[in-house]
Amino acid sequence: MPEPTIPSIEHPHNHRDLVAVLGILGVVVVSVVGFASIGAGGPVDGRVAVALAEVVFSGWMPAVYLLGALGFGGLFGRLGPAVKSNHPLQAALGVAVTLSITHLLGIAGLLNFTTAWTATAIGILLWVYTLAKNPISIRFASDRVSWILLGVLAIGVGLMIVAASSPPGALWDSEFGAYDSLSYHLQLPKEWIASAQIWPVEHNVYSYHPGYIESGYTHMALLGNRPMTLQGAQYFSLLLVLIGAWNCSRAASQWCGSGSWAAAGPLAACMVVLTPWIMLVGTMSYNESGVIALGAGALVVASCQDIKPSIRGLLCGVLVAAACSC
């Protein structure tokens, strides 16, 4: 199977790759500033400052939580070279494991500030150890179409960051003022923290679902030792969408190989991020993003012929089960 030519977050091999990474990040930042400047609601510089401040003050909780997930995902690299070199797949597997750990601690009544940080810290230490042993590298396709697609993708990510920085209900009229988010996606973590256990509550039928994503909100709120910020939950959804796009990109590259189809990976990532419904659910405290990230990881496993069939079945089972639990 030809080596994928789409970006996988890997260690830059040369100056050109480093410049490319910085350039794409620059497009994201410019996009954030540009979209935050559009519309009404106070001075432009104030709106931009608020959006950037939210990224820092509300974004650190989901970022730390998912760094821990990357550490747990790296453990799967021991299953063989095909998994060890597949960083998007490891990210999806890490999310599945981390959400499962959170949920198990919660239903046992053991999820609190100490255990939340212990689990996350273990994951982060594993991530640092794995990164030292297996550095991530970035390989960018050299064709013009791939570069254009990556630029469009960066603009879309900037737009989603601005949308995720907005209060629930400020956007997306189709969601009736973020009714679902405020009535149970964000309400359940409050009640679970108050009762010190993740468990069904009689007045909310959705609490009888596994609630992996809502359990994740509970864990992240405990990391900050305060109620989960509304924007923090939205950034978590956004980061899960990006993991899903990363895995879809990898799957498309596995299917199409290189050569004339080199742009298949960036195209797949763009199709995920720029789909209007994904932009909506990926910037709100909904649970579809978890299904996308884990389901895309399952596609990568199913289409990777370099992984032994027994291992493929095991990993697909883990990912699909966690996706259903989301």
C-alpha atoms as a PDB file:
ATOM      1  CA  MET A   1       0.000   0.000   0.000  1.00  0.00           C
ATOM      2  CA  PRO A   2       1.600   3.378  -0.986  1.00  0.00           C
ATOM      3  CA  GLU A   3       2.573   5.644   1.889  1.00  0.00           C
ATOM      4  CA  PRO A   4      -0.073   8.370   2.432  1.00  0.00           C
ATOM      5  CA  THR A   5       0.915  11.824   1.233  1.00  0.00           C
ATOM      6  CA  ILE A   6      -1.580  13.789   3.282  1.00  0.00           C
ATOM      7  CA  PRO A   7      -0.580  15.554   6.476  1.00  0.00           C
ATOM      8  CA  SER A   8      -0.370  13.453   9.578  1.00  0.00           C
ATOM      9  CA  ILE A   9       0.815  15.518  12.508  1.00  0.00           C
ATOM     10  CA  GLU A  10       4.392  14.367  12.407  1.00  0.00           C
ATOM     11  CA  HIS A  11       7.766  15.921  13.156  1.00  0.00           C
ATOM     12  CA  PRO A  12       8.721  18.334  10.337  1.00  0.00           C
ATOM     13  CA  HIS A  13      11.563  16.779   8.317  1.00  0.00           C
ATOM     14  CA  ASN A  14      12.942  20.029   6.925  1.00  0.00           C
ATOM     15  CA  HIS A  15      12.604  23.784   6.839  1.00  0.00           C
ATOM     16  CA  ARG A  16       9.935  23.632   4.121  1.00  0.00           C
ATOM     17  CA  ASP A  17       7.621  21.495   6.232  1.00  0.00           C
ATOM     18  CA  LEU A  18       8.054  23.787   9.245  1.00  0.00           C
ATOM     19  CA  VAL A  19       7.220  26.833   7.144  1.00  0.00           C
ATOM     20  CA  ALA A  20       4.160  24.990   5.810  1.00  0.00           C
ATOM     21  CA  VAL A  21       2.920  24.232   9.343  1.00  0.00           C
ATOM     22  CA  LEU A  22       3.391  27.836  10.444  1.00  0.00           C
ATOM     23  CA  GLY A  23       1.700  29.068   7.274  1.00  0.00           C
ATOM     24  CA  ILE A  24      -1.400  26.947   7.839  1.00  0.00           C
ATOM     25  CA  LEU A  25      -1.587  28.031  11.472  1.00  0.00           C
ATOM     26  CA  GLY A  26      -1.257  31.623  10.277  1.00  0.00           C
ATOM     27  CA  VAL A  27      -4.237  31.166   7.947  1.00  0.00           C
ATOM     28  CA  VAL A  28      -6.267  29.811  10.893  1.00  0.00           C
ATOM     29  CA  VAL A  29      -5.391  32.837  13.042  1.00  0.00           C
ATOM     30  CA  VAL A  30      -6.162  35.325  10.275  1.00  0.00           C
ATOM     31  CA  SER A  31      -9.434  33.505   9.634  1.00  0.00           C
ATOM     32  CA  VAL A  32     -10.373  33.724  13.330  1.00  0.00           C
ATOM     33  CA  VAL A  33      -9.661  37.454  13.399  1.00  0.00           C
ATOM     34  CA  GLY A  34     -11.521  38.017  10.151  1.00  0.00           C
ATOM     35  CA  PHE A  35     -14.686  36.114  11.064  1.00  0.00           C
ATOM     36  CA  ALA A  36     -14.725  37.533  14.608  1.00  0.00           C
ATOM     37  CA  SER A  37     -14.721  41.001  13.053  1.00  0.00           C
ATOM     38  CA  ILE A  38     -17.944  40.366  11.119  1.00  0.00           C
ATOM     39  CA  GLY A  39     -21.316  41.402  12.501  1.00  0.00           C
ATOM     40  CA  ALA A  40     -22.531  43.591  15.317  1.00  0.00           C
ATOM     41  CA  GLY A  41     -22.144  43.483  19.080  1.00  0.00           C
ATOM     42  CA  GLY A  42     -19.503  45.933  20.210  1.00  0.00           C
ATOM     43  CA  PRO A  43     -16.180  47.173  18.823  1.00  0.00           C
ATOM     44  CA  VAL A  44     -14.352  44.891  16.394  1.00  0.00           C
ATOM     45  CA  ASP A  45     -11.202  44.706  18.507  1.00  0.00           C
ATOM     46  CA  GLY A  46     -13.316  43.752  21.515  1.00  0.00           C
ATOM     47  CA  ARG A  47     -15.008  40.888  19.672  1.00  0.00           C
ATOM     48  CA  VAL A  48     -11.682  39.571  18.417  1.00  0.00           C
ATOM     49  CA  ALA A  49     -10.170  39.819  21.907  1.00  0.00           C
ATOM     50  CA  VAL A  50     -13.124  37.972  23.442  1.00  0.00           C
ATOM     51  CA  ALA A  51     -12.844  35.139  20.890  1.00  0.00           C
ATOM     52  CA  LEU A  52      -9.102  34.736  21.457  1.00  0.00           C
ATOM     53  CA  ALA A  53      -9.531  34.958  25.241  1.00  0.00           C
ATOM     54  CA  GLU A  54     -12.179  32.228  25.168  1.00  0.00           C
ATOM     55  CA  VAL A  55      -9.813  29.952  23.262  1.00  0.00           C
ATOM     56  CA  VAL A  56      -7.259  30.304  26.069  1.00  0.00           C
ATOM     57  CA  PHE A  57      -9.453  30.356  29.172  1.00  0.00           C
ATOM     58  CA  SER A  58     -12.089  27.850  28.046  1.00  0.00           C
ATOM     59  CA  GLY A  59     -10.057  25.800  25.612  1.00  0.00           C
ATOM     60  CA  TRP A  60      -7.403  24.524  27.998  1.00  0.00           C
ATOM     61  CA  MET A  61      -9.702  21.956  29.646  1.00  0.00           C
ATOM     62  CA  PRO A  62     -10.639  20.039  26.479  1.00  0.00           C
ATOM     63  CA  ALA A  63      -7.070  20.440  25.202  1.00  0.00           C
ATOM     64  CA  VAL A  64      -5.597  18.874  28.347  1.00  0.00           C
ATOM     65  CA  TYR A  65      -8.231  16.135  28.372  1.00  0.00           C
ATOM     66  CA  LEU A  66      -7.479  15.189  24.764  1.00  0.00           C
ATOM     67  CA  LEU A  67      -3.718  15.306  25.314  1.00  0.00           C
ATOM     68  CA  GLY A  68      -4.292  12.611  27.903  1.00  0.00           C
ATOM     69  CA  ALA A  69      -6.340  10.721  25.329  1.00  0.00           C
ATOM     70  CA  LEU A  70      -3.430  10.840  22.875  1.00  0.00           C
ATOM     71  CA  GLY A  71      -1.266   9.204  25.525  1.00  0.00           C
ATOM     72  CA  PHE A  72      -3.657   6.305  26.028  1.00  0.00           C
ATOM     73  CA  GLY A  73      -4.009   5.952  22.266  1.00  0.00           C
ATOM     74  CA  GLY A  74      -0.256   5.646  21.878  1.00  0.00           C
ATOM     75  CA  LEU A  75      -0.330   2.411  23.867  1.00  0.00           C
ATOM     76  CA  PHE A  76      -2.045   0.741  20.906  1.00  0.00           C
ATOM     77  CA  GLY A  77       1.131   1.257  18.883  1.00  0.00           C
ATOM     78  CA  ARG A  78       2.426  -1.914  20.530  1.00  0.00           C
ATOM     79  CA  LEU A  79      -0.043  -3.904  18.415  1.00  0.00           C
ATOM     80  CA  GLY A  80       2.188  -3.588  15.372  1.00  0.00           C
ATOM     81  CA  PRO A  81       3.915  -1.199  12.944  1.00  0.00           C
ATOM     82  CA  ALA A  82       0.694  -0.424  11.055  1.00  0.00           C
ATOM     83  CA  VAL A  83      -0.910   0.933  14.229  1.00  0.00           C
ATOM     84  CA  LYS A  84       2.291   2.502  15.560  1.00  0.00           C
ATOM     85  CA  SER A  85       2.643   4.701  12.478  1.00  0.00           C
ATOM     86  CA  ASN A  86      -1.069   5.550  12.312  1.00  0.00           C
ATOM     87  CA  HIS A  87      -1.370   8.611  14.538  1.00  0.00           C
ATOM     88  CA  PRO A  88      -4.961   9.558  13.571  1.00  0.00           C
ATOM     89  CA  LEU A  89      -6.105   6.064  14.518  1.00  0.00           C
ATOM     90  CA  GLN A  90      -4.257   6.266  17.831  1.00  0.00           C
ATOM     91  CA  ALA A  91      -6.010   9.570  18.551  1.00  0.00           C
ATOM     92  CA  ALA A  92      -9.436   7.983  17.969  1.00  0.00           C
ATOM     93  CA  LEU A  93      -8.565   4.951  20.090  1.00  0.00           C
ATOM     94  CA  GLY A  94      -7.289   7.244  22.843  1.00  0.00           C
ATOM     95  CA  VAL A  95     -10.588   9.134  22.862  1.00  0.00           C
ATOM     96  CA  ALA A  96     -12.473   5.830  23.153  1.00  0.00           C
ATOM     97  CA  VAL A  97     -10.328   4.683  26.082  1.00  0.00           C
ATOM     98  CA  THR A  98     -10.383   8.036  27.877  1.00  0.00           C
ATOM     99  CA  LEU A  99     -14.154   8.430  27.646  1.00  0.00           C
ATOM    100  CA  SER A 100     -14.543   4.853  28.894  1.00  0.00           C
ATOM    101  CA  ILE A 101     -12.277   5.516  31.881  1.00  0.00           C
ATOM    102  CA  THR A 102     -14.209   8.693  32.674  1.00  0.00           C
ATOM    103  CA  HIS A 103     -17.553   6.897  32.461  1.00  0.00           C
ATOM    104  CA  LEU A 104     -16.428   3.959  34.611  1.00  0.00           C
ATOM    105  CA  LEU A 105     -15.043   6.276  37.294  1.00  0.00           C
ATOM    106  CA  GLY A 106     -18.265   8.269  37.179  1.00  0.00           C
ATOM    107  CA  ILE A 107     -20.719   5.393  37.549  1.00  0.00           C
ATOM    108  CA  ALA A 108     -18.598   4.026  40.395  1.00  0.00           C
ATOM    109  CA  GLY A 109     -18.878   7.391  42.166  1.00  0.00           C
ATOM    110  CA  LEU A 110     -15.091   7.822  42.027  1.00  0.00           C
ATOM    111  CA  LEU A 111     -14.834  10.735  39.593  1.00  0.00           C
ATOM    112  CA  ASN A 112     -13.635  13.828  41.429  1.00  0.00           C
ATOM    113  CA  PHE A 113     -10.934  16.502  41.174  1.00  0.00           C
ATOM    114  CA  THR A 114      -8.177  14.111  42.280  1.00  0.00           C
ATOM    115  CA  THR A 115      -9.097  11.114  40.130  1.00  0.00           C
ATOM    116  CA  ALA A 116      -9.862  13.309  37.126  1.00  0.00           C
ATOM    117  CA  TRP A 117      -6.396  14.847  37.236  1.00  0.00           C
ATOM    118  CA  THR A 118      -4.754  11.501  38.007  1.00  0.00           C
ATOM    119  CA  ALA A 119      -6.257   9.833  34.937  1.00  0.00           C
ATOM    120  CA  THR A 120      -5.494  12.826  32.708  1.00  0.00           C
ATOM    121  CA  ALA A 121      -1.945  13.220  34.055  1.00  0.00           C
ATOM    122  CA  ILE A 122      -1.207   9.534  33.410  1.00  0.00           C
ATOM    123  CA  GLY A 123      -2.386   9.987  29.836  1.00  0.00           C
ATOM    124  CA  ILE A 124      -0.248  13.112  29.328  1.00  0.00           C
ATOM    125  CA  LEU A 125       2.845  11.352  30.702  1.00  0.00           C
ATOM    126  CA  LEU A 126       2.177   8.434  28.353  1.00  0.00           C
ATOM    127  CA  TRP A 127       1.836  10.922  25.490  1.00  0.00           C
ATOM    128  CA  VAL A 128       5.222  12.507  26.280  1.00  0.00           C
ATOM    129  CA  TYR A 129       6.833   9.063  26.549  1.00  0.00           C
ATOM    130  CA  THR A 130       5.270   7.864  23.281  1.00  0.00           C
ATOM    131  CA  LEU A 131       6.242  11.065  21.486  1.00  0.00           C
ATOM    132  CA  ALA A 132       9.845  10.611  22.571  1.00  0.00           C
ATOM    133  CA  LYS A 133       9.871   7.026  21.289  1.00  0.00           C
ATOM    134  CA  ASN A 134       7.816   7.619  18.136  1.00  0.00           C
ATOM    135  CA  PRO A 135       8.029  11.265  16.975  1.00  0.00           C
ATOM    136  CA  ILE A 136       5.208  12.538  14.808  1.00  0.00           C
ATOM    137  CA  SER A 137       6.246  13.773  11.339  1.00  0.00           C
ATOM    138  CA  ILE A 138       4.505  15.949   8.812  1.00  0.00           C
ATOM    139  CA  ARG A 139       4.556  15.067   5.138  1.00  0.00           C
ATOM    140  CA  PHE A 140       2.785  17.496   2.883  1.00  0.00           C
ATOM    141  CA  ALA A 141       1.740  16.647  -0.638  1.00  0.00           C
ATOM    142  CA  SER A 142       3.527  18.903  -3.097  1.00  0.00           C
ATOM    143  CA  ASP A 143       0.710  19.283  -5.627  1.00  0.00           C
ATOM    144  CA  ARG A 144      -1.112  22.591  -5.928  1.00  0.00           C
ATOM    145  CA  VAL A 145      -4.593  21.131  -5.376  1.00  0.00           C
ATOM    146  CA  SER A 146      -3.603  19.757  -1.958  1.00  0.00           C
ATOM    147  CA  TRP A 147      -2.200  23.121  -0.911  1.00  0.00           C
ATOM    148  CA  ILE A 148      -5.385  24.913  -1.970  1.00  0.00           C
ATOM    149  CA  LEU A 149      -7.496  22.389  -0.063  1.00  0.00           C
ATOM    150  CA  LEU A 150      -5.375  22.752   3.081  1.00  0.00           C
ATOM    151  CA  GLY A 151      -5.790  26.531   2.895  1.00  0.00           C
ATOM    152  CA  VAL A 152      -9.567  26.185   2.548  1.00  0.00           C
ATOM    153  CA  LEU A 153      -9.564  23.724   5.458  1.00  0.00           C
ATOM    154  CA  ALA A 154      -7.661  26.231   7.615  1.00  0.00           C
ATOM    155  CA  ILE A 155     -10.234  28.931   6.822  1.00  0.00           C
ATOM    156  CA  GLY A 156     -13.043  26.558   7.782  1.00  0.00           C
ATOM    157  CA  VAL A 157     -11.337  25.721  11.076  1.00  0.00           C
ATOM    158  CA  GLY A 158     -11.017  29.436  11.836  1.00  0.00           C
ATOM    159  CA  LEU A 159     -14.741  29.911  11.226  1.00  0.00           C
ATOM    160  CA  MET A 160     -15.560  26.998  13.544  1.00  0.00           C
ATOM    161  CA  ILE A 161     -13.329  28.434  16.284  1.00  0.00           C
ATOM    162  CA  VAL A 162     -15.259  31.716  16.136  1.00  0.00           C
ATOM    163  CA  ALA A 163     -18.592  29.871  16.185  1.00  0.00           C
ATOM    164  CA  ALA A 164     -17.469  27.736  19.150  1.00  0.00           C
ATOM    165  CA  SER A 165     -16.434  30.917  20.973  1.00  0.00           C
ATOM    166  CA  SER A 166     -20.002  32.239  20.793  1.00  0.00           C
ATOM    167  CA  PRO A 167     -22.484  31.678  23.642  1.00  0.00           C
ATOM    168  CA  PRO A 168     -24.957  28.811  23.088  1.00  0.00           C
ATOM    169  CA  GLY A 169     -28.016  30.125  21.282  1.00  0.00           C
ATOM    170  CA  ALA A 170     -26.253  33.087  19.683  1.00  0.00           C
ATOM    171  CA  LEU A 171     -25.967  31.168  16.398  1.00  0.00           C
ATOM    172  CA  TRP A 172     -27.817  28.392  14.564  1.00  0.00           C
ATOM    173  CA  ASP A 173     -31.508  29.321  14.665  1.00  0.00           C
ATOM    174  CA  SER A 174     -32.410  25.739  13.732  1.00  0.00           C
ATOM    175  CA  GLU A 175     -31.405  24.633  17.246  1.00  0.00           C
ATOM    176  CA  PHE A 176     -34.036  26.759  19.015  1.00  0.00           C
ATOM    177  CA  GLY A 177     -31.700  28.798  21.175  1.00  0.00           C
ATOM    178  CA  ALA A 178     -29.468  25.787  21.956  1.00  0.00           C
ATOM    179  CA  TYR A 179     -32.346  24.125  23.785  1.00  0.00           C
ATOM    180  CA  ASP A 180     -30.825  20.633  23.700  1.00  0.00           C
ATOM    181  CA  SER A 181     -27.423  21.865  24.857  1.00  0.00           C
ATOM    182  CA  LEU A 182     -28.773  23.822  27.787  1.00  0.00           C
ATOM    183  CA  SER A 183     -31.501  21.367  28.821  1.00  0.00           C
ATOM    184  CA  TYR A 184     -29.485  18.149  28.990  1.00  0.00           C
ATOM    185  CA  HIS A 185     -26.047  18.108  27.303  1.00  0.00           C
ATOM    186  CA  LEU A 186     -24.792  20.695  29.796  1.00  0.00           C
ATOM    187  CA  GLN A 187     -27.409  20.178  32.492  1.00  0.00           C
ATOM    188  CA  LEU A 188     -26.517  16.536  33.167  1.00  0.00           C
ATOM    189  CA  PRO A 189     -22.865  17.240  34.098  1.00  0.00           C
ATOM    190  CA  LYS A 190     -24.062  19.789  36.666  1.00  0.00           C
ATOM    191  CA  GLU A 191     -26.338  17.225  38.276  1.00  0.00           C
ATOM    192  CA  TRP A 192     -23.730  14.461  38.131  1.00  0.00           C
ATOM    193  CA  ILE A 193     -21.143  16.664  39.817  1.00  0.00           C
ATOM    194  CA  ALA A 194     -23.673  17.674  42.480  1.00  0.00           C
ATOM    195  CA  SER A 195     -24.533  14.025  43.193  1.00  0.00           C
ATOM    196  CA  ALA A 196     -20.897  12.861  42.873  1.00  0.00           C
ATOM    197  CA  GLN A 197     -21.944  10.070  40.502  1.00  0.00           C
ATOM    198  CA  ILE A 198     -22.760   9.574  36.851  1.00  0.00           C
ATOM    199  CA  TRP A 199     -26.115   7.882  37.074  1.00  0.00           C
ATOM    200  CA  PRO A 200     -29.628   8.216  35.543  1.00  0.00           C
ATOM    201  CA  VAL A 201     -31.834  10.927  37.001  1.00  0.00           C
ATOM    202  CA  GLU A 202     -35.593  10.413  36.977  1.00  0.00           C
ATOM    203  CA  HIS A 203     -36.554  13.716  35.386  1.00  0.00           C
ATOM    204  CA  ASN A 204     -34.257  13.394  32.344  1.00  0.00           C
ATOM    205  CA  VAL A 205     -34.719  10.489  29.934  1.00  0.00           C
ATOM    206  CA  TYR A 206     -31.413  11.232  28.178  1.00  0.00           C
ATOM    207  CA  SER A 207     -29.529  10.442  31.378  1.00  0.00           C
ATOM    208  CA  TYR A 208     -30.364   6.765  30.808  1.00  0.00           C
ATOM    209  CA  HIS A 209     -28.098   6.740  27.753  1.00  0.00           C
ATOM    210  CA  PRO A 210     -24.401   5.908  28.303  1.00  0.00           C
ATOM    211  CA  GLY A 211     -23.650   9.637  27.904  1.00  0.00           C
ATOM    212  CA  TYR A 212     -19.950   9.375  27.065  1.00  0.00           C
ATOM    213  CA  ILE A 213     -19.730  12.957  25.798  1.00  0.00           C
ATOM    214  CA  GLU A 214     -21.593  14.369  28.796  1.00  0.00           C
ATOM    215  CA  SER A 215     -19.312  12.284  31.022  1.00  0.00           C
ATOM    216  CA  GLY A 216     -16.376  13.952  29.284  1.00  0.00           C
ATOM    217  CA  TYR A 217     -17.844  17.378  30.112  1.00  0.00           C
ATOM    218  CA  THR A 218     -18.078  16.254  33.745  1.00  0.00           C
ATOM    219  CA  HIS A 219     -14.433  15.179  33.783  1.00  0.00           C
ATOM    220  CA  MET A 220     -13.259  18.447  32.199  1.00  0.00           C
ATOM    221  CA  ALA A 221     -15.263  20.528  34.657  1.00  0.00           C
ATOM    222  CA  LEU A 222     -13.583  18.679  37.519  1.00  0.00           C
ATOM    223  CA  LEU A 223     -10.166  19.411  36.010  1.00  0.00           C
ATOM    224  CA  GLY A 224     -10.927  23.103  36.436  1.00  0.00           C
ATOM    225  CA  ASN A 225     -12.559  22.482  39.819  1.00  0.00           C
ATOM    226  CA  ARG A 226     -15.482  24.611  38.644  1.00  0.00           C
ATOM    227  CA  PRO A 227     -18.535  24.328  36.369  1.00  0.00           C
ATOM    228  CA  MET A 228     -17.712  23.430  32.787  1.00  0.00           C
ATOM    229  CA  THR A 229     -17.648  26.575  30.667  1.00  0.00           C
ATOM    230  CA  LEU A 230     -20.161  26.613  27.844  1.00  0.00           C
ATOM    231  CA  GLN A 231     -17.488  27.443  25.304  1.00  0.00           C
ATOM    232  CA  GLY A 232     -15.187  24.738  26.714  1.00  0.00           C
ATOM    233  CA  ALA A 233     -17.767  22.100  25.825  1.00  0.00           C
ATOM    234  CA  GLN A 234     -18.046  23.585  22.338  1.00  0.00           C
ATOM    235  CA  TYR A 235     -14.281  23.502  21.838  1.00  0.00           C
ATOM    236  CA  PHE A 236     -14.342  19.838  22.841  1.00  0.00           C
ATOM    237  CA  SER A 237     -16.822  19.183  20.023  1.00  0.00           C
ATOM    238  CA  LEU A 238     -14.621  21.104  17.606  1.00  0.00           C
ATOM    239  CA  LEU A 239     -11.506  19.136  18.547  1.00  0.00           C
ATOM    240  CA  LEU A 240     -13.382  15.861  18.098  1.00  0.00           C
ATOM    241  CA  VAL A 241     -14.469  16.994  14.616  1.00  0.00           C
ATOM    242  CA  LEU A 242     -10.820  17.653  13.754  1.00  0.00           C
ATOM    243  CA  ILE A 243      -9.871  14.159  14.935  1.00  0.00           C
ATOM    244  CA  GLY A 244     -12.679  12.806  12.763  1.00  0.00           C
ATOM    245  CA  ALA A 245     -11.469  14.821   9.764  1.00  0.00           C
ATOM    246  CA  TRP A 246      -7.914  13.602  10.374  1.00  0.00           C
ATOM    247  CA  ASN A 247      -9.089   9.989  10.313  1.00  0.00           C
ATOM    248  CA  CYS A 248     -11.268  10.509   7.231  1.00  0.00           C
ATOM    249  CA  SER A 249      -8.219  12.017   5.544  1.00  0.00           C
ATOM    250  CA  ARG A 250      -6.187   8.971   6.465  1.00  0.00           C
ATOM    251  CA  ALA A 251      -8.887   6.573   5.262  1.00  0.00           C
ATOM    252  CA  ALA A 252      -9.170   8.364   1.908  1.00  0.00           C
ATOM    253  CA  SER A 253      -5.400   8.179   1.457  1.00  0.00           C
ATOM    254  CA  GLN A 254      -5.421   4.460   2.246  1.00  0.00           C
ATOM    255  CA  TRP A 255      -8.136   3.903  -0.345  1.00  0.00           C
ATOM    256  CA  CYS A 256      -6.651   6.084  -3.090  1.00  0.00           C
ATOM    257  CA  GLY A 257      -2.887   5.862  -2.538  1.00  0.00           C
ATOM    258  CA  SER A 258      -0.645   8.512  -4.051  1.00  0.00           C
ATOM    259  CA  GLY A 259      -0.019   9.703  -7.594  1.00  0.00           C
ATOM    260  CA  SER A 260      -2.949  11.417  -9.279  1.00  0.00           C
ATOM    261  CA  TRP A 261      -5.064  10.865  -6.139  1.00  0.00           C
ATOM    262  CA  ALA A 262      -2.651  12.630  -3.779  1.00  0.00           C
ATOM    263  CA  ALA A 263      -5.271  15.250  -2.919  1.00  0.00           C
ATOM    264  CA  ALA A 264      -7.808  12.654  -1.714  1.00  0.00           C
ATOM    265  CA  GLY A 265      -6.801  13.084   1.935  1.00  0.00           C
ATOM    266  CA  PRO A 266      -7.074  16.892   2.095  1.00  0.00           C
ATOM    267  CA  LEU A 267     -10.307  16.712   0.084  1.00  0.00           C
ATOM    268  CA  ALA A 268     -11.837  14.251   2.564  1.00  0.00           C
ATOM    269  CA  ALA A 269     -10.825  16.458   5.508  1.00  0.00           C
ATOM    270  CA  CYS A 270     -12.395  19.498   3.816  1.00  0.00           C
ATOM    271  CA  MET A 271     -15.619  17.613   3.133  1.00  0.00           C
ATOM    272  CA  VAL A 272     -15.891  16.762   6.828  1.00  0.00           C
ATOM    273  CA  VAL A 273     -15.083  20.189   8.267  1.00  0.00           C
ATOM    274  CA  LEU A 274     -16.966  22.288   5.694  1.00  0.00           C
ATOM    275  CA  THR A 275     -20.238  20.329   5.751  1.00  0.00           C
ATOM    276  CA  PRO A 276     -22.807  22.792   7.209  1.00  0.00           C
ATOM    277  CA  TRP A 277     -24.320  20.282   9.647  1.00  0.00           C
ATOM    278  CA  ILE A 278     -20.848  19.405  10.941  1.00  0.00           C
ATOM    279  CA  MET A 279     -20.092  23.090  11.418  1.00  0.00           C
ATOM    280  CA  LEU A 280     -23.246  23.309  13.535  1.00  0.00           C
ATOM    281  CA  VAL A 281     -22.876  20.209  15.711  1.00  0.00           C
ATOM    282  CA  GLY A 282     -19.101  20.662  15.852  1.00  0.00           C
ATOM    283  CA  THR A 283     -19.392  24.076  17.478  1.00  0.00           C
ATOM    284  CA  MET A 284     -22.065  23.209  20.051  1.00  0.00           C
ATOM    285  CA  SER A 285     -22.151  20.915  23.055  1.00  0.00           C
ATOM    286  CA  TYR A 286     -23.654  18.031  21.081  1.00  0.00           C
ATOM    287  CA  ASN A 287     -22.538  14.401  20.942  1.00  0.00           C
ATOM    288  CA  GLU A 288     -22.342  13.888  17.157  1.00  0.00           C
ATOM    289  CA  SER A 289     -18.679  14.927  17.123  1.00  0.00           C
ATOM    290  CA  GLY A 290     -17.716  11.928  19.221  1.00  0.00           C
ATOM    291  CA  VAL A 291     -19.540   9.610  16.814  1.00  0.00           C
ATOM    292  CA  ILE A 292     -17.727  11.224  13.872  1.00  0.00           C
ATOM    293  CA  ALA A 293     -14.268  10.927  15.439  1.00  0.00           C
ATOM    294  CA  LEU A 294     -14.691   7.314  16.559  1.00  0.00           C
ATOM    295  CA  GLY A 295     -16.629   6.193  13.501  1.00  0.00           C
ATOM    296  CA  ALA A 296     -13.947   7.612  11.211  1.00  0.00           C
ATOM    297  CA  GLY A 297     -11.321   5.769  13.253  1.00  0.00           C
ATOM    298  CA  ALA A 298     -13.246   2.538  12.685  1.00  0.00           C
ATOM    299  CA  LEU A 299     -13.180   3.223   8.926  1.00  0.00           C
ATOM    300  CA  VAL A 300      -9.399   3.590   9.074  1.00  0.00           C
ATOM    301  CA  VAL A 301      -9.063   0.257  10.892  1.00  0.00           C
ATOM    302  CA  ALA A 302     -11.440  -1.559   8.556  1.00  0.00           C
ATOM    303  CA  SER A 303      -9.599  -0.339   5.451  1.00  0.00           C
ATOM    304  CA  CYS A 304      -6.046  -0.980   6.699  1.00  0.00           C
ATOM    305  CA  GLN A 305      -4.965  -4.346   5.297  1.00  0.00           C
ATOM    306  CA  ASP A 306      -1.624  -4.141   7.122  1.00  0.00           C
ATOM    307  CA  ILE A 307      -3.363  -4.815  10.451  1.00  0.00           C
ATOM    308  CA  LYS A 308      -4.039  -8.471  11.315  1.00  0.00           C
ATOM    309  CA  PRO A 309      -7.720  -9.426  10.930  1.00  0.00           C
ATOM    310  CA  SER A 310      -8.053 -10.352  14.606  1.00  0.00           C
ATOM    311  CA  ILE A 311      -6.574  -6.992  15.650  1.00  0.00           C
ATOM    312  CA  ARG A 312      -8.799  -5.180  13.130  1.00  0.00           C
ATOM    313  CA  GLY A 313     -11.873  -6.805  14.608  1.00  0.00           C
ATOM    314  CA  LEU A 314     -10.837  -5.926  18.155  1.00  0.00           C
ATOM    315  CA  LEU A 315     -10.074  -2.276  17.353  1.00  0.00           C
ATOM    316  CA  CYS A 316     -13.240  -1.833  15.282  1.00  0.00           C
ATOM    317  CA  GLY A 317     -15.240  -3.243  18.188  1.00  0.00           C
ATOM    318  CA  VAL A 318     -13.661  -0.807  20.637  1.00  0.00           C
ATOM    319  CA  LEU A 319     -14.258   2.185  18.379  1.00  0.00           C
ATOM    320  CA  VAL A 320     -17.818   1.327  17.321  1.00  0.00           C
ATOM    321  CA  ALA A 321     -18.815   0.518  20.914  1.00  0.00           C
ATOM    322  CA  ALA A 322     -17.458   3.856  22.122  1.00  0.00           C
ATOM    323  CA  ALA A 323     -19.149   5.660  19.210  1.00  0.00           C
ATOM    324  CA  CYS A 324     -22.493   4.104  20.191  1.00  0.00           C
ATOM    325  CA  SER A 325     -21.863   5.106  23.799  1.00  0.00           C
ATOM    326  CA  CYS A 326     -21.498   8.712  22.603  1.00  0.00           C
END
